[in-house]
């Protein structure tokens, strides 16, 4: 549910400029926004409307979520890579010492 907010023309134009910057930052970071740039052009039309709800502010919100996802993804993938490296090193050590019994490693709990 959105609440209606009264914006001055300058606040609205500054908000649009930020949305435009966030849109391009999002694209340059390798993802696709929920809406394409036509949405921005619709917002940047000739209408001088000063009362909007905040639902039009989509790119900043999505960019924030994208960055949180990327940070989580990087953390998770880094952990998985380290665990895989550990498994390979362990198998190599066991083979060098002639260990032939069957074994199974538990999943990485991190």
N, C-alpha and C. Protein backbone atom coordinates (compact mmCIF):
# COMPACT_ATOMS: atom_id res chain seq x y z
N UNK A 1 0.85 -1.17 0.00
CA UNK A 1 0.00 0.00 0.00
C UNK A 1 0.89 1.23 0.00
N UNK A 2 0.63 2.15 -0.88
CA UNK A 2 1.47 3.33 -0.97
C UNK A 2 0.79 4.50 -0.29
N UNK A 3 1.61 5.42 0.14
CA UNK A 3 1.06 6.64 0.72
C UNK A 3 1.39 7.78 -0.22
N UNK A 4 0.49 8.71 -0.34
CA UNK A 4 0.69 9.82 -1.26
C UNK A 4 1.61 10.84 -0.62
N UNK A 5 2.56 11.33 -1.39
CA UNK A 5 3.53 12.29 -0.91
C UNK A 5 3.53 13.49 -1.83
N UNK A 6 3.60 14.67 -1.28
CA UNK A 6 3.67 15.88 -2.07
C UNK A 6 5.13 16.24 -2.29
N UNK A 7 5.53 16.35 -3.54
CA UNK A 7 6.90 16.70 -3.88
C UNK A 7 6.92 18.08 -4.51
N UNK A 8 7.94 18.85 -4.18
CA UNK A 8 8.16 20.07 -4.94
C UNK A 8 8.67 19.64 -6.31
N UNK A 9 8.62 20.53 -7.27
CA UNK A 9 9.10 20.19 -8.61
C UNK A 9 10.58 19.82 -8.57
N UNK A 10 11.39 20.54 -7.78
CA UNK A 10 12.82 20.23 -7.67
C UNK A 10 13.05 18.86 -7.05
N UNK A 11 12.30 18.53 -6.00
CA UNK A 11 12.45 17.22 -5.37
C UNK A 11 12.10 16.10 -6.35
N UNK A 12 11.05 16.33 -7.10
CA UNK A 12 10.63 15.33 -8.08
C UNK A 12 11.69 15.16 -9.17
N UNK A 13 12.20 16.26 -9.70
CA UNK A 13 13.22 16.19 -10.76
C UNK A 13 14.52 15.57 -10.23
N UNK A 14 14.89 15.88 -9.00
CA UNK A 14 16.07 15.26 -8.40
C UNK A 14 15.86 13.76 -8.22
N UNK A 15 14.65 13.38 -7.82
CA UNK A 15 14.32 11.96 -7.68
C UNK A 15 14.41 11.24 -9.01
N UNK A 16 13.91 11.87 -10.06
CA UNK A 16 14.00 11.27 -11.39
C UNK A 16 15.45 11.10 -11.83
N UNK A 17 16.26 12.10 -11.54
CA UNK A 17 17.68 12.01 -11.93
C UNK A 17 18.36 10.87 -11.18
N UNK A 18 18.06 10.72 -9.90
CA UNK A 18 18.62 9.60 -9.14
C UNK A 18 18.16 8.27 -9.71
N UNK A 19 16.88 8.16 -10.03
CA UNK A 19 16.37 6.92 -10.62
C UNK A 19 17.10 6.60 -11.92
N UNK A 20 17.35 7.63 -12.72
CA UNK A 20 18.07 7.43 -13.98
C UNK A 20 19.49 6.93 -13.70
N UNK A 21 20.18 7.51 -12.74
CA UNK A 21 21.55 7.08 -12.39
C UNK A 21 21.54 5.64 -11.88
N UNK A 22 20.57 5.31 -11.03
CA UNK A 22 20.50 3.96 -10.49
C UNK A 22 20.19 2.95 -11.59
N UNK A 23 19.34 3.35 -12.53
CA UNK A 23 19.03 2.48 -13.67
C UNK A 23 20.32 2.13 -14.42
N UNK A 24 21.12 3.13 -14.74
CA UNK A 24 22.35 2.88 -15.49
C UNK A 24 23.39 2.12 -14.66
N UNK A 25 23.47 2.41 -13.38
CA UNK A 25 24.38 1.66 -12.51
C UNK A 25 23.99 0.18 -12.48
N UNK A 26 22.71 -0.06 -12.42
CA UNK A 26 22.18 -1.42 -12.40
C UNK A 26 22.54 -2.15 -13.70
N UNK A 27 22.31 -1.52 -14.83
CA UNK A 27 22.65 -2.10 -16.13
C UNK A 27 24.15 -2.37 -16.22
N UNK A 28 24.96 -1.40 -15.80
CA UNK A 28 26.41 -1.54 -15.88
C UNK A 28 26.95 -2.62 -14.95
N UNK A 29 26.18 -2.98 -13.93
CA UNK A 29 26.61 -4.03 -13.00
C UNK A 29 26.21 -5.42 -13.50
N UNK A 30 25.55 -5.47 -14.65
CA UNK A 30 25.28 -6.75 -15.26
C UNK A 30 23.91 -7.35 -15.04
N UNK A 31 22.96 -6.58 -14.55
CA UNK A 31 21.63 -7.14 -14.36
C UNK A 31 20.62 -6.37 -15.20
N UNK A 32 19.41 -6.84 -15.17
CA UNK A 32 18.33 -6.20 -15.91
C UNK A 32 17.29 -5.69 -14.92
N UNK A 33 16.96 -4.43 -15.00
CA UNK A 33 15.93 -3.89 -14.11
C UNK A 33 14.56 -4.47 -14.40
N UNK A 34 13.67 -4.33 -13.44
CA UNK A 34 12.30 -4.79 -13.61
C UNK A 34 11.63 -4.07 -14.79
N UNK A 35 11.98 -2.81 -14.96
CA UNK A 35 11.39 -1.99 -16.02
C UNK A 35 12.52 -1.50 -16.92
N UNK A 36 12.20 -1.29 -18.19
CA UNK A 36 13.24 -0.78 -19.08
C UNK A 36 13.24 0.75 -19.07
N UNK A 37 14.10 1.33 -19.88
CA UNK A 37 14.27 2.78 -19.86
C UNK A 37 13.04 3.52 -20.37
N UNK A 38 12.13 2.84 -21.04
CA UNK A 38 10.90 3.49 -21.48
C UNK A 38 10.11 3.98 -20.26
N UNK A 39 10.19 3.23 -19.19
CA UNK A 39 9.53 3.64 -17.94
C UNK A 39 10.06 4.99 -17.48
N UNK A 40 11.37 5.17 -17.56
CA UNK A 40 11.95 6.46 -17.19
C UNK A 40 11.46 7.56 -18.12
N UNK A 41 11.41 7.28 -19.42
CA UNK A 41 10.95 8.29 -20.37
C UNK A 41 9.49 8.67 -20.09
N UNK A 42 8.70 7.70 -19.67
CA UNK A 42 7.32 8.01 -19.30
C UNK A 42 7.30 8.96 -18.10
N UNK A 43 8.17 8.70 -17.14
CA UNK A 43 8.23 9.56 -15.96
C UNK A 43 8.77 10.94 -16.29
N UNK A 44 9.64 10.99 -17.28
CA UNK A 44 10.27 12.25 -17.64
C UNK A 44 9.46 13.04 -18.67
N UNK A 45 8.21 12.64 -18.88
CA UNK A 45 7.36 13.33 -19.85
C UNK A 45 7.16 14.79 -19.49
N UNK A 46 6.39 15.46 -20.28
CA UNK A 46 6.17 16.90 -20.13
C UNK A 46 5.21 17.27 -19.00
N UNK A 47 4.60 16.27 -18.38
CA UNK A 47 3.63 16.57 -17.33
C UNK A 47 4.34 17.18 -16.13
N UNK A 48 3.74 18.23 -15.58
CA UNK A 48 4.28 18.84 -14.37
C UNK A 48 3.36 18.46 -13.21
N UNK A 49 3.52 17.25 -12.76
CA UNK A 49 2.72 16.72 -11.68
C UNK A 49 3.58 16.70 -10.44
N UNK A 50 3.08 17.17 -9.33
CA UNK A 50 3.89 17.23 -8.11
C UNK A 50 3.40 16.29 -7.02
N UNK A 51 2.32 15.57 -7.24
CA UNK A 51 1.84 14.62 -6.24
C UNK A 51 1.95 13.22 -6.82
N UNK A 52 2.79 12.39 -6.22
CA UNK A 52 3.00 11.02 -6.63
C UNK A 52 3.10 10.15 -5.40
N UNK A 53 2.73 8.91 -5.52
CA UNK A 53 3.08 7.99 -4.46
C UNK A 53 4.50 7.51 -4.75
N UNK A 54 5.11 6.85 -3.82
CA UNK A 54 6.52 6.44 -3.98
C UNK A 54 6.70 5.21 -4.85
N UNK A 55 5.63 4.66 -5.40
CA UNK A 55 5.75 3.45 -6.20
C UNK A 55 6.58 3.65 -7.47
N UNK A 56 6.72 4.86 -7.94
CA UNK A 56 7.51 5.11 -9.15
C UNK A 56 9.01 5.01 -8.87
N UNK A 57 9.41 4.99 -7.63
CA UNK A 57 10.83 4.90 -7.28
C UNK A 57 11.24 3.43 -7.25
N UNK A 58 11.47 2.86 -8.42
CA UNK A 58 11.73 1.43 -8.51
C UNK A 58 13.20 1.07 -8.64
N UNK A 59 13.98 1.88 -9.32
CA UNK A 59 15.35 1.47 -9.63
C UNK A 59 16.27 1.52 -8.42
N UNK A 60 16.10 2.51 -7.57
CA UNK A 60 16.91 2.59 -6.36
C UNK A 60 16.66 1.41 -5.44
N UNK A 61 15.39 1.04 -5.29
CA UNK A 61 15.03 -0.10 -4.45
C UNK A 61 15.59 -1.39 -5.02
N UNK A 62 15.46 -1.55 -6.33
CA UNK A 62 15.94 -2.79 -6.95
C UNK A 62 17.46 -2.86 -6.92
N UNK A 63 18.13 -1.72 -7.11
CA UNK A 63 19.59 -1.71 -7.06
C UNK A 63 20.09 -2.10 -5.68
N UNK A 64 19.43 -1.62 -4.64
CA UNK A 64 19.80 -1.98 -3.27
C UNK A 64 19.67 -3.49 -3.06
N UNK A 65 18.55 -4.06 -3.50
CA UNK A 65 18.36 -5.51 -3.37
C UNK A 65 19.38 -6.29 -4.19
N UNK A 66 19.70 -5.79 -5.38
CA UNK A 66 20.68 -6.43 -6.24
C UNK A 66 22.05 -6.47 -5.56
N UNK A 67 22.45 -5.36 -4.96
CA UNK A 67 23.76 -5.31 -4.28
C UNK A 67 23.78 -6.26 -3.08
N UNK A 68 22.67 -6.35 -2.35
CA UNK A 68 22.60 -7.29 -1.23
C UNK A 68 22.71 -8.73 -1.73
N UNK A 69 22.03 -9.03 -2.84
CA UNK A 69 22.10 -10.36 -3.43
C UNK A 69 23.51 -10.68 -3.89
N UNK A 70 24.17 -9.73 -4.55
CA UNK A 70 25.52 -9.96 -5.05
C UNK A 70 26.50 -10.21 -3.91
N UNK A 71 26.35 -9.46 -2.81
CA UNK A 71 27.22 -9.66 -1.65
C UNK A 71 27.01 -11.05 -1.06
N UNK A 72 25.77 -11.46 -0.94
CA UNK A 72 25.47 -12.80 -0.42
C UNK A 72 26.00 -13.87 -1.35
N UNK A 73 25.80 -13.66 -2.64
CA UNK A 73 26.26 -14.63 -3.63
C UNK A 73 27.78 -14.76 -3.61
N UNK A 74 28.48 -13.64 -3.53
CA UNK A 74 29.95 -13.68 -3.49
C UNK A 74 30.44 -14.41 -2.24
N UNK A 75 29.78 -14.16 -1.13
CA UNK A 75 30.16 -14.82 0.11
C UNK A 75 29.95 -16.33 0.01
N UNK A 76 28.80 -16.71 -0.51
CA UNK A 76 28.47 -18.13 -0.63
C UNK A 76 29.40 -18.83 -1.61
N UNK A 77 29.60 -18.22 -2.74
CA UNK A 77 30.46 -18.85 -3.75
C UNK A 77 31.90 -18.94 -3.28
N UNK A 78 32.36 -17.93 -2.59
CA UNK A 78 33.72 -17.99 -2.06
C UNK A 78 33.87 -19.14 -1.08
N UNK A 79 32.85 -19.35 -0.25
CA UNK A 79 32.87 -20.45 0.70
C UNK A 79 32.86 -21.80 0.01
N UNK A 80 32.06 -21.93 -1.02
CA UNK A 80 31.98 -23.20 -1.75
C UNK A 80 33.30 -23.49 -2.45
N UNK A 81 33.92 -22.47 -3.03
CA UNK A 81 35.21 -22.67 -3.70
C UNK A 81 36.28 -23.13 -2.71
N UNK A 82 36.28 -22.53 -1.54
CA UNK A 82 37.26 -22.91 -0.52
C UNK A 82 37.03 -24.36 -0.08
N UNK A 83 35.77 -24.74 0.08
CA UNK A 83 35.46 -26.10 0.51
C UNK A 83 35.87 -27.10 -0.57
N UNK A 84 35.59 -26.77 -1.84
CA UNK A 84 36.01 -27.65 -2.94
C UNK A 84 37.53 -27.81 -2.96
N UNK A 85 38.25 -26.72 -2.75
CA UNK A 85 39.71 -26.78 -2.72
C UNK A 85 40.17 -27.67 -1.57
N UNK A 86 39.50 -27.55 -0.43
CA UNK A 86 39.83 -28.37 0.73
C UNK A 86 39.62 -29.86 0.41
N UNK A 87 38.50 -30.19 -0.23
CA UNK A 87 38.20 -31.58 -0.59
C UNK A 87 39.26 -32.14 -1.53
N UNK A 88 39.63 -31.36 -2.53
CA UNK A 88 40.64 -31.83 -3.49
C UNK A 88 41.98 -32.06 -2.81
N UNK A 89 42.37 -31.14 -1.93
CA UNK A 89 43.63 -31.29 -1.21
C UNK A 89 43.59 -32.50 -0.30
N UNK A 90 42.47 -32.71 0.37
CA UNK A 90 42.32 -33.86 1.26
C UNK A 90 42.42 -35.17 0.48
N UNK A 91 41.71 -35.26 -0.65
CA UNK A 91 41.77 -36.47 -1.47
C UNK A 91 43.20 -36.74 -1.94
N UNK A 92 43.90 -35.71 -2.31
CA UNK A 92 45.28 -35.86 -2.77
C UNK A 92 46.18 -36.38 -1.65
N UNK A 93 46.04 -35.81 -0.45
CA UNK A 93 46.84 -36.27 0.70
C UNK A 93 46.54 -37.72 1.04
N UNK A 94 45.24 -38.06 1.05
CA UNK A 94 44.87 -39.43 1.38
C UNK A 94 45.43 -40.41 0.35
N UNK A 95 45.37 -40.05 -0.92
CA UNK A 95 45.90 -40.93 -1.97
C UNK A 95 47.41 -41.08 -1.85
N UNK A 96 48.12 -40.00 -1.53
CA UNK A 96 49.58 -40.08 -1.36
C UNK A 96 49.97 -41.03 -0.23
N UNK A 97 49.13 -41.13 0.77
CA UNK A 97 49.44 -41.99 1.92
C UNK A 97 48.78 -43.36 1.81
N UNK A 98 48.23 -43.66 0.64
CA UNK A 98 47.69 -44.99 0.40
C UNK A 98 46.37 -45.27 1.09
N UNK A 99 45.62 -44.26 1.46
CA UNK A 99 44.34 -44.46 2.10
C UNK A 99 43.34 -44.97 1.07
N UNK A 100 42.78 -46.16 1.28
CA UNK A 100 41.90 -46.76 0.28
C UNK A 100 40.49 -47.02 0.78
N UNK A 101 40.25 -46.77 2.07
CA UNK A 101 38.90 -47.00 2.60
C UNK A 101 37.91 -45.99 2.01
N UNK A 102 36.67 -46.44 1.91
CA UNK A 102 35.63 -45.55 1.41
C UNK A 102 35.32 -44.50 2.48
N UNK A 103 35.11 -43.28 2.07
CA UNK A 103 34.76 -42.22 3.00
C UNK A 103 33.80 -41.23 2.34
N UNK A 104 33.10 -40.48 3.16
CA UNK A 104 32.17 -39.46 2.68
C UNK A 104 32.30 -38.24 3.57
N UNK A 105 32.50 -37.10 2.96
CA UNK A 105 32.60 -35.86 3.71
C UNK A 105 31.22 -35.25 3.91
N UNK A 106 31.02 -34.66 5.07
CA UNK A 106 29.78 -33.92 5.30
C UNK A 106 29.82 -32.62 4.51
N UNK A 107 28.65 -32.08 4.23
CA UNK A 107 28.59 -30.77 3.56
C UNK A 107 29.20 -29.70 4.44
N UNK A 108 29.74 -28.70 3.79
CA UNK A 108 30.26 -27.55 4.51
C UNK A 108 29.10 -26.86 5.22
N UNK A 109 29.23 -26.63 6.49
CA UNK A 109 28.14 -26.03 7.27
C UNK A 109 28.18 -24.53 7.28
N UNK A 110 29.16 -23.92 6.68
CA UNK A 110 29.23 -22.44 6.64
C UNK A 110 28.35 -21.88 5.59
